[in-house]
């Protein structure tokens, strides 16, 4: 097994591998990671070759954490971990983990941390890598819960999958004349998002509005804003990331509290689910409702109203 540290000339080969992989997502691509300004992270991404052929990727960064030199899944993305082919064997999974451990020791790292995408992002379900990590004494650093919905019903039956409360909210929005459409008014949405996050959690959005627009420009076919309007005023919106051909992710969800009585968010997801099914997605991911494994009960209940259940988004950890 040969491990090569990522350089810019690998970018095309890297992204080609991600889109053909069993578990590749938009977050693993160099195109996505390139939106970060130089100096924000110390990239230490790796390519794994077996007999001269690319077997796996690991988007990663080096973190100086006090007395620990940490090799971590890339902090500039929601998910990381190994990106592998659909035909990865159990033996290859062990070879990858062993090779990574040897590499981190040789490079004087103290700690390894890997965050994998949930299984709904995989073309073929596989826990080979998880198994190999456990067998090599990795432990869970944390297990967050992401709310996902299997889109295994026809679009005309979406409303039947919602709770009675959510169905009533959709009908109320329609009755009050709320309209839903895609648009590129990211600055208008950002104002709603910023105000909402400040009021509810006293935090800022993950991205600046300039970064969000830059990501949209980088992925015009994979990042979309779907917004709800009362007359011509935007009152709510969802920024969707088409993470791969299987799973559609709601990265940002927000609404204007002054228009809550119109129930625009419910109508948004009614329309988004129908569109996602017609576009061939198998899963819809609302994202996590836990922070450091502490549930936001209200947020979890809200997502359950659309038929969501929870799956793990795991972070593995090991001193090396």
Protein backbone atom coordinates (compact mmCIF):
# COMPACT_ATOMS: atom_id res chain seq x y z
CA UNK A 1 0.00 0.00 0.00
CA UNK A 2 1.41 3.40 -1.00
CA UNK A 3 0.15 6.59 0.65
CA UNK A 4 0.61 9.89 -1.18
CA UNK A 5 -0.09 13.29 0.32
CA UNK A 6 -2.51 15.37 -1.74
CA UNK A 7 -1.13 18.04 -4.08
CA UNK A 8 -3.03 20.34 -6.41
CA UNK A 9 -2.20 18.26 -9.47
CA UNK A 10 -4.25 15.39 -7.92
CA UNK A 11 -7.47 17.45 -7.94
CA UNK A 12 -8.98 16.05 -11.13
CA UNK A 13 -8.16 12.42 -10.24
CA UNK A 14 -9.48 13.02 -6.70
CA UNK A 15 -12.88 14.39 -7.73
CA UNK A 16 -13.33 11.74 -10.44
CA UNK A 17 -12.77 9.05 -7.80
CA UNK A 18 -15.23 10.69 -5.33
CA UNK A 19 -18.12 10.75 -7.79
CA UNK A 20 -17.54 7.09 -8.74
CA UNK A 21 -17.07 5.93 -5.14
CA UNK A 22 -19.44 3.98 -2.90
CA UNK A 23 -19.70 6.78 -0.35
CA UNK A 24 -18.45 9.95 -2.06
CA UNK A 25 -20.31 13.20 -1.43
CA UNK A 26 -20.01 16.83 -2.41
CA UNK A 27 -18.15 17.42 0.89
CA UNK A 28 -15.31 15.10 -0.15
CA UNK A 29 -14.53 16.88 -3.42
CA UNK A 30 -11.61 19.23 -3.89
CA UNK A 31 -13.97 21.62 -5.66
CA UNK A 32 -16.00 21.96 -2.45
CA UNK A 33 -12.98 22.18 -0.14
CA UNK A 34 -11.44 24.83 -2.40
CA UNK A 35 -13.94 27.47 -1.26
CA UNK A 36 -12.02 27.82 2.01
CA UNK A 37 -9.51 30.69 1.91
CA UNK A 38 -5.79 29.76 2.04
CA UNK A 39 -4.55 29.42 5.60
CA UNK A 40 -7.88 28.52 7.22
CA UNK A 41 -6.87 24.85 7.46
CA UNK A 42 -3.62 22.92 7.16
CA UNK A 43 -4.64 20.37 4.56
CA UNK A 44 -3.16 16.90 5.03
CA UNK A 45 -5.34 14.87 2.67
CA UNK A 46 -4.14 11.46 1.54
CA UNK A 47 -4.46 9.13 -1.45
CA UNK A 48 -4.06 5.36 -0.98
CA UNK A 49 -2.74 3.29 -3.89
CA UNK A 50 -2.70 -0.48 -4.12
CA UNK A 51 -0.45 -1.92 -6.84
CA UNK A 52 -0.48 1.49 -8.53
CA UNK A 53 -4.27 1.85 -8.56
CA UNK A 54 -6.17 4.34 -6.45
CA UNK A 55 -7.99 2.43 -3.71
CA UNK A 56 -9.20 5.17 -1.35
CA UNK A 57 -9.03 8.84 -0.38
CA UNK A 58 -8.93 10.58 2.97
CA UNK A 59 -9.74 14.32 3.06
CA UNK A 60 -7.94 15.44 6.20
CA UNK A 61 -6.31 18.32 8.05
CA UNK A 62 -3.62 18.64 10.70
CA UNK A 63 -4.76 20.24 13.94
CA UNK A 64 -2.47 21.49 16.69
CA UNK A 65 -4.48 20.73 19.83
CA UNK A 66 -2.32 21.76 22.74
CA UNK A 67 0.13 18.94 23.28
CA UNK A 68 -1.48 16.75 20.59
CA UNK A 69 -0.74 16.67 16.89
CA UNK A 70 -4.06 15.53 15.39
CA UNK A 71 -4.83 14.14 11.94
CA UNK A 72 -8.56 14.75 11.53
CA UNK A 73 -11.28 14.44 8.93
CA UNK A 74 -11.33 17.75 7.08
CA UNK A 75 -12.83 20.39 9.37
CA UNK A 76 -14.09 22.34 6.39
CA UNK A 77 -16.74 19.73 5.55
CA UNK A 78 -19.63 18.00 7.31
CA UNK A 79 -18.31 14.51 6.61
CA UNK A 80 -14.95 12.92 5.98
CA UNK A 81 -13.46 9.52 6.55
CA UNK A 82 -12.25 7.12 3.88
CA UNK A 83 -13.80 7.44 0.44
CA UNK A 84 -13.87 3.94 -1.07
CA UNK A 85 -15.07 1.98 -4.07
CA UNK A 86 -18.22 -0.15 -3.98
CA UNK A 87 -16.19 -3.37 -4.27
CA UNK A 88 -13.87 -2.69 -1.31
CA UNK A 89 -13.04 -6.02 0.34
CA UNK A 90 -12.80 -6.65 4.07
CA UNK A 91 -9.11 -7.36 3.64
CA UNK A 92 -8.61 -4.03 1.86
CA UNK A 93 -10.47 -2.25 4.66
CA UNK A 94 -7.99 -3.62 7.20
CA UNK A 95 -5.06 -2.77 4.91
CA UNK A 96 -6.28 0.85 4.68
CA UNK A 97 -6.61 1.25 8.45
CA UNK A 98 -3.24 -0.40 9.14
CA UNK A 99 -1.53 1.71 6.47
CA UNK A 100 -3.05 4.88 7.93
CA UNK A 101 -1.86 3.99 11.42
CA UNK A 102 1.67 3.33 10.13
CA UNK A 103 1.62 6.62 8.23
CA UNK A 104 0.43 8.71 11.20
CA UNK A 105 3.12 7.20 13.42
CA UNK A 106 5.81 7.91 10.83
CA UNK A 107 4.58 11.53 10.56
CA UNK A 108 4.60 12.00 14.36
CA UNK A 109 0.86 12.43 14.77
CA UNK A 110 -0.55 11.70 18.24
CA UNK A 111 -4.26 11.29 17.49
CA UNK A 112 -6.51 10.20 14.60
CA UNK A 113 -10.13 11.39 14.26
CA UNK A 114 -12.44 10.28 11.45
CA UNK A 115 -16.03 11.38 10.80
CA UNK A 116 -17.94 9.21 8.34
CA UNK A 117 -21.05 10.12 6.37
CA UNK A 118 -24.19 8.25 7.53
CA UNK A 119 -25.02 5.03 5.71
CA UNK A 120 -27.74 6.75 3.63
CA UNK A 121 -24.93 8.30 1.59
CA UNK A 122 -23.56 4.90 0.57
CA UNK A 123 -24.53 3.25 -2.71
CA UNK A 124 -24.02 -0.18 -1.12
CA UNK A 125 -24.29 -0.36 2.69
CA UNK A 126 -20.99 -1.37 4.24
CA UNK A 127 -19.45 -1.29 7.72
CA UNK A 128 -16.12 -2.82 6.71
CA UNK A 129 -14.20 0.33 7.58
CA UNK A 130 -16.00 0.71 10.93
CA UNK A 131 -15.25 -2.91 11.74
CA UNK A 132 -11.58 -2.52 10.87
CA UNK A 133 -11.36 0.63 13.01
CA UNK A 134 -12.87 -1.18 16.00
CA UNK A 135 -10.55 -4.11 15.55
CA UNK A 136 -7.65 -1.66 15.64
CA UNK A 137 -8.85 -0.13 18.92
CA UNK A 138 -10.58 3.00 17.65
CA UNK A 139 -13.44 4.21 19.87
CA UNK A 140 -16.36 6.55 19.32
CA UNK A 141 -15.54 10.15 20.12
CA UNK A 142 -19.19 11.01 19.51
CA UNK A 143 -22.29 9.65 17.81
CA UNK A 144 -24.54 12.42 16.49
CA UNK A 145 -28.03 11.70 15.16
CA UNK A 146 -29.09 12.84 11.69
CA UNK A 147 -32.79 12.87 10.72
CA UNK A 148 -33.43 11.06 7.43
CA UNK A 149 -36.48 10.13 5.38
CA UNK A 150 -36.52 7.25 2.86
CA UNK A 151 -38.14 8.58 -0.32
CA UNK A 152 -39.68 5.23 -1.23
CA UNK A 153 -43.15 6.45 -2.15
CA UNK A 154 -44.62 8.27 -5.16
CA UNK A 155 -44.64 12.10 -5.08
CA UNK A 156 -48.42 12.29 -4.94
CA UNK A 157 -48.35 10.43 -1.60
CA UNK A 158 -45.92 12.76 0.19
CA UNK A 159 -48.63 14.34 2.34
CA UNK A 160 -49.69 10.91 3.65
CA UNK A 161 -46.23 10.41 5.14
CA UNK A 162 -46.42 13.60 7.23
CA UNK A 163 -47.87 13.74 10.75
CA UNK A 164 -51.41 15.08 11.14
CA UNK A 165 -49.97 18.34 12.51
CA UNK A 166 -47.67 18.79 9.50
CA UNK A 167 -50.47 17.95 7.06
CA UNK A 168 -52.68 20.62 8.60
CA UNK A 169 -49.82 23.11 8.36
CA UNK A 170 -49.33 22.38 4.64
CA UNK A 171 -53.03 22.86 3.95
CA UNK A 172 -53.04 26.10 5.94
CA UNK A 173 -50.09 27.45 3.94
CA UNK A 174 -51.82 26.60 0.67
CA UNK A 175 -55.07 28.18 1.85
CA UNK A 176 -53.25 31.39 2.83
CA UNK A 177 -51.67 31.65 -0.61
CA UNK A 178 -48.02 30.83 0.22
CA UNK A 179 -46.03 30.12 -2.94
CA UNK A 180 -42.85 28.04 -3.26
CA UNK A 181 -40.19 28.37 -5.94
CA UNK A 182 -36.47 28.06 -6.55
CA UNK A 183 -34.57 31.31 -6.71
CA UNK A 184 -31.11 32.83 -6.32
CA UNK A 185 -31.99 35.48 -3.74
CA UNK A 186 -29.34 34.21 -1.32
CA UNK A 187 -28.84 37.59 0.34
CA UNK A 188 -32.55 37.82 1.22
CA UNK A 189 -32.49 34.30 2.64
CA UNK A 190 -29.30 35.00 4.55
CA UNK A 191 -30.91 37.92 6.38
CA UNK A 192 -33.70 35.59 7.56
CA UNK A 193 -31.18 32.89 8.52
CA UNK A 194 -28.87 35.25 10.37
CA UNK A 195 -31.70 36.83 12.39
CA UNK A 196 -33.22 33.43 13.22
CA UNK A 197 -29.98 31.84 14.39
CA UNK A 198 -29.09 34.88 16.48
CA UNK A 199 -32.52 34.90 18.14
CA UNK A 200 -32.78 31.14 18.78
CA UNK A 201 -29.21 30.06 19.46
CA UNK A 202 -27.08 33.24 19.52
CA UNK A 203 -24.84 31.79 16.79
CA UNK A 204 -23.88 32.73 13.25
CA UNK A 205 -24.41 30.64 10.09
CA UNK A 206 -21.57 28.26 9.21
CA UNK A 207 -20.90 30.23 6.02
CA UNK A 208 -20.80 33.93 5.26
CA UNK A 209 -23.22 34.99 2.55
CA UNK A 210 -20.25 35.47 0.22
CA UNK A 211 -19.12 31.87 0.87
CA UNK A 212 -22.63 30.58 0.28
CA UNK A 213 -22.85 32.37 -3.05
CA UNK A 214 -19.38 31.12 -3.96
CA UNK A 215 -20.46 27.52 -3.21
CA UNK A 216 -23.54 28.02 -5.37
CA UNK A 217 -21.29 29.27 -8.17
CA UNK A 218 -18.99 26.25 -7.72
CA UNK A 219 -21.93 23.81 -7.77
CA UNK A 220 -24.77 25.42 -9.73
CA UNK A 221 -26.21 21.97 -10.42
CA UNK A 222 -25.97 20.71 -6.82
CA UNK A 223 -26.78 23.64 -4.52
CA UNK A 224 -30.25 25.19 -4.64
CA UNK A 225 -32.28 27.68 -2.65
CA UNK A 226 -35.99 26.84 -2.43
CA UNK A 227 -37.99 29.69 -0.88
CA UNK A 228 -41.55 30.39 0.26
CA UNK A 229 -43.20 33.72 -0.51
CA UNK A 230 -46.19 35.60 0.81
CA UNK A 231 -47.09 37.81 -2.12
CA UNK A 232 -43.54 38.73 -3.23
CA UNK A 233 -41.89 38.70 0.19
CA UNK A 234 -39.58 35.81 1.06
CA UNK A 235 -40.71 34.39 4.39
CA UNK A 236 -38.73 31.11 4.56
CA UNK A 237 -36.17 29.08 2.68
CA UNK A 238 -34.17 25.88 2.52
CA UNK A 239 -30.68 25.59 1.01
CA UNK A 240 -30.33 22.12 -0.47
CA UNK A 241 -27.08 20.28 -1.12
CA UNK A 242 -27.44 17.46 -3.64
CA UNK A 243 -24.69 15.55 -1.82
CA UNK A 244 -24.61 12.66 -4.26
CA UNK A 245 -27.04 10.87 -6.57
CA UNK A 246 -28.72 9.16 -3.60
CA UNK A 247 -29.19 11.75 -0.88
CA UNK A 248 -30.45 15.32 -0.77
CA UNK A 249 -29.45 17.34 2.32
CA UNK A 250 -31.18 20.37 3.86
CA UNK A 251 -28.08 22.33 4.87
CA UNK A 252 -29.92 25.48 5.98
CA UNK A 253 -33.57 25.78 7.05
CA UNK A 254 -34.95 29.10 8.24
CA UNK A 255 -38.06 31.26 8.36
CA UNK A 256 -39.18 34.73 9.32
CA UNK A 257 -40.87 34.46 12.73
CA UNK A 258 -43.25 37.29 11.82
CA UNK A 259 -44.80 34.98 9.20
CA UNK A 260 -44.90 31.79 11.28
CA UNK A 261 -48.72 31.72 11.12
CA UNK A 262 -48.43 31.03 7.38
CA UNK A 263 -46.56 27.78 8.11
CA UNK A 264 -44.23 28.23 5.10
CA UNK A 265 -41.60 25.66 6.18
CA UNK A 266 -44.12 22.82 6.06
CA UNK A 267 -45.13 23.78 2.54
CA UNK A 268 -41.46 24.02 1.54
CA UNK A 269 -40.76 20.41 2.55
CA UNK A 270 -43.97 19.21 0.91
CA UNK A 271 -42.72 20.65 -2.39
CA UNK A 272 -39.05 19.65 -1.84
CA UNK A 273 -39.96 16.01 -1.13
CA UNK A 274 -42.03 15.81 -4.30
CA UNK A 275 -39.21 17.31 -6.36
CA UNK A 276 -36.57 15.07 -4.73
CA UNK A 277 -38.55 11.93 -5.56
CA UNK A 278 -39.03 13.03 -9.18
CA UNK A 279 -35.28 13.72 -9.40
CA UNK A 280 -34.49 10.17 -8.28
CA UNK A 281 -33.19 10.68 -4.75
CA UNK A 282 -33.58 7.75 -2.36
CA UNK A 283 -33.09 9.68 0.87
CA UNK A 284 -33.70 13.11 2.31
CA UNK A 285 -31.39 14.20 5.12
CA UNK A 286 -32.53 16.98 7.49
CA UNK A 287 -29.12 17.02 9.14
CA UNK A 288 -28.28 16.45 12.79
CA UNK A 289 -30.44 17.57 15.72
CA UNK A 290 -27.83 16.73 18.35
CA UNK A 291 -24.82 18.81 19.33
CA UNK A 292 -22.07 16.88 21.08
CA UNK A 293 -24.67 14.12 21.56
CA UNK A 294 -27.17 16.38 23.38
CA UNK A 295 -30.57 16.23 21.62
CA UNK A 296 -32.53 19.32 20.66
CA UNK A 297 -35.87 17.68 21.47
CA UNK A 298 -38.00 20.28 19.71
CA UNK A 299 -35.95 20.10 16.53
CA UNK A 300 -36.06 16.30 16.56
CA UNK A 301 -39.86 16.37 16.95
CA UNK A 302 -40.18 18.90 14.14
CA UNK A 303 -38.29 16.63 11.74
CA UNK A 304 -40.24 13.56 12.84
CA UNK A 305 -43.36 15.40 11.67
CA UNK A 306 -42.10 14.86 8.12
CA UNK A 307 -41.54 11.14 8.67
CA UNK A 308 -37.89 11.33 9.70
CA UNK A 309 -36.03 8.80 11.82
CA UNK A 310 -32.51 9.03 13.22
CA UNK A 311 -29.27 7.48 11.93
CA UNK A 312 -25.77 7.78 13.35
CA UNK A 313 -23.12 10.18 12.13
CA UNK A 314 -20.07 8.79 13.89
CA UNK A 315 -16.70 10.24 14.76
CA UNK A 316 -13.97 7.69 15.56
CA UNK A 317 -10.95 8.46 17.66
CA UNK A 318 -7.66 6.80 18.56
CA UNK A 319 -4.35 7.78 20.08
CA UNK A 320 -1.55 6.54 17.83
